[in-house]
Protein backbone atom coordinates (compact mmCIF):
# COMPACT_ATOMS: atom_id res chain seq x y z
CA UNK A 1 -9.52 14.06 -14.32
CA UNK A 2 -7.30 11.81 -15.72
CA UNK A 3 -4.47 13.19 -17.50
CA UNK A 4 -3.75 10.46 -20.50
CA UNK A 5 -0.96 12.68 -21.87
CA UNK A 6 1.14 12.23 -18.68
CA UNK A 7 0.49 8.65 -18.74
CA UNK A 8 1.90 7.97 -22.00
CA UNK A 9 5.19 9.94 -21.17
CA UNK A 10 5.31 7.47 -18.33
CA UNK A 11 4.88 5.01 -20.35
CA UNK A 12 7.34 6.12 -22.90
CA UNK A 13 10.10 7.19 -20.03
CA UNK A 14 9.61 3.73 -18.98
CA UNK A 15 9.88 1.54 -22.00
CA UNK A 16 13.00 3.82 -22.87
CA UNK A 17 14.41 2.93 -19.87
CA UNK A 18 14.26 -0.33 -19.80
CA UNK A 19 15.37 0.29 -23.69
CA UNK A 20 12.75 -1.55 -25.43
CA UNK A 21 11.61 -0.17 -28.72
CA UNK A 22 7.74 0.86 -29.39
CA UNK A 23 7.83 -2.10 -31.70
CA UNK A 24 9.01 -4.37 -29.14
CA UNK A 25 6.53 -3.40 -26.60
CA UNK A 26 3.58 -3.20 -29.11
CA UNK A 27 4.22 -6.63 -30.32
CA UNK A 28 4.44 -7.87 -26.21
CA UNK A 29 0.87 -6.19 -25.62
CA UNK A 30 -0.16 -7.36 -29.27
CA UNK A 31 -1.18 -4.19 -30.53
CA UNK A 32 -0.18 -1.77 -33.68
CA UNK A 33 3.08 0.34 -32.86
CA UNK A 34 0.89 3.08 -34.19
CA UNK A 35 -1.36 2.61 -31.19
CA UNK A 36 1.24 2.19 -28.54
CA UNK A 37 2.58 5.74 -29.95
CA UNK A 38 -0.84 7.28 -29.90
CA UNK A 39 -0.80 6.15 -26.15
CA UNK A 40 2.58 7.25 -25.56
CA UNK A 41 1.56 10.75 -27.26
CA UNK A 42 -2.15 11.29 -25.26
CA UNK A 43 -4.22 10.98 -28.40
CA UNK A 44 -5.45 7.45 -27.26
CA UNK A 45 -6.89 6.99 -24.02
CA UNK A 46 -6.13 3.18 -23.36
CA UNK A 47 -9.07 1.36 -21.05
CA UNK A 48 -8.15 -0.26 -17.66
CA UNK A 49 -7.12 -3.34 -19.06
CA UNK A 50 -4.44 -1.92 -21.70
CA UNK A 51 -2.98 0.16 -18.71
CA UNK A 52 -2.77 -3.55 -17.08
CA UNK A 53 -1.15 -4.80 -19.77
CA UNK A 54 1.18 -2.50 -19.96
CA UNK A 55 2.14 -2.17 -16.23
CA UNK A 56 3.18 -5.87 -16.76
CA UNK A 57 5.02 -5.71 -19.68
CA UNK A 58 6.97 -2.78 -18.40
CA UNK A 59 7.38 -4.50 -14.68
CA UNK A 60 6.01 -1.50 -12.98
CA UNK A 61 2.87 -1.36 -10.88
CA UNK A 62 -0.14 -0.19 -12.33
CA UNK A 63 -0.65 2.77 -9.44
CA UNK A 64 2.67 3.96 -10.22
CA UNK A 65 1.88 3.95 -14.31
CA UNK A 66 -1.12 5.96 -13.07
CA UNK A 67 0.20 8.26 -10.27
CA UNK A 68 3.88 7.92 -11.11
CA UNK A 69 4.00 7.73 -7.12
CA UNK A 70 6.42 4.80 -6.91
CA UNK A 71 4.83 2.35 -4.43
CA UNK A 72 7.46 2.01 -1.60
CA UNK A 73 8.43 5.23 -1.26
CA UNK A 74 7.01 5.92 2.29
CA UNK A 75 9.48 2.38 3.44
CA UNK A 76 12.28 4.04 2.31
CA UNK A 77 12.04 7.70 3.68
CA UNK A 78 11.37 5.88 6.80
CA UNK A 79 14.38 3.97 6.34
CA UNK A 80 16.12 7.18 5.92
CA UNK A 81 14.98 8.69 8.99
CA UNK A 82 16.16 5.65 10.96
CA UNK A 83 19.45 5.85 9.53
CA UNK A 84 19.43 9.88 10.17
CA UNK A 85 18.68 8.88 13.76
CA UNK A 86 21.31 6.96 14.48
CA UNK A 87 24.16 9.49 13.17
CA UNK A 88 25.88 12.11 14.87
CA UNK A 89 25.36 15.48 13.33
CA UNK A 90 28.39 15.42 11.81
CA UNK A 91 27.72 12.49 10.11
CA UNK A 92 24.28 13.85 9.31
CA UNK A 93 25.92 16.95 7.79
CA UNK A 94 28.16 15.08 5.63
CA UNK A 95 25.28 12.58 4.31
CA UNK A 96 23.42 15.72 3.42
CA UNK A 97 26.27 17.32 1.21
CA UNK A 98 26.99 14.38 -0.42
CA UNK A 99 22.96 13.74 -0.95
CA UNK A 100 23.13 17.09 -2.63
CA UNK A 101 25.92 16.83 -4.63
CA UNK A 102 24.59 13.52 -6.38
CA UNK A 103 20.97 15.33 -6.79
CA UNK A 104 22.75 17.52 -9.07
CA UNK A 105 24.07 15.20 -11.43
CA UNK A 106 20.35 13.85 -12.27
């Protein structure tokens, strides 16, 4: 089942991350601000064509918009694994400590 509320939250989060207003995105999509607001709150169920237009307008893949899974994440995991495999246990522990601290500051 498609959760339009979560998709709407992703649209809003992405739009805000780009510093876009609802008005500017609505204008880009050629829809009313009210319609976009309803999409972002999950009160409107946009069709696939509208979701595709939104994904282009905010420069994210349609898959990311629908699933929340960033394309290429597995690619990064492999890169991290390769880096870790080439390091000494001491360096791995140091990297872990640094990443754990960075993760605390979200």
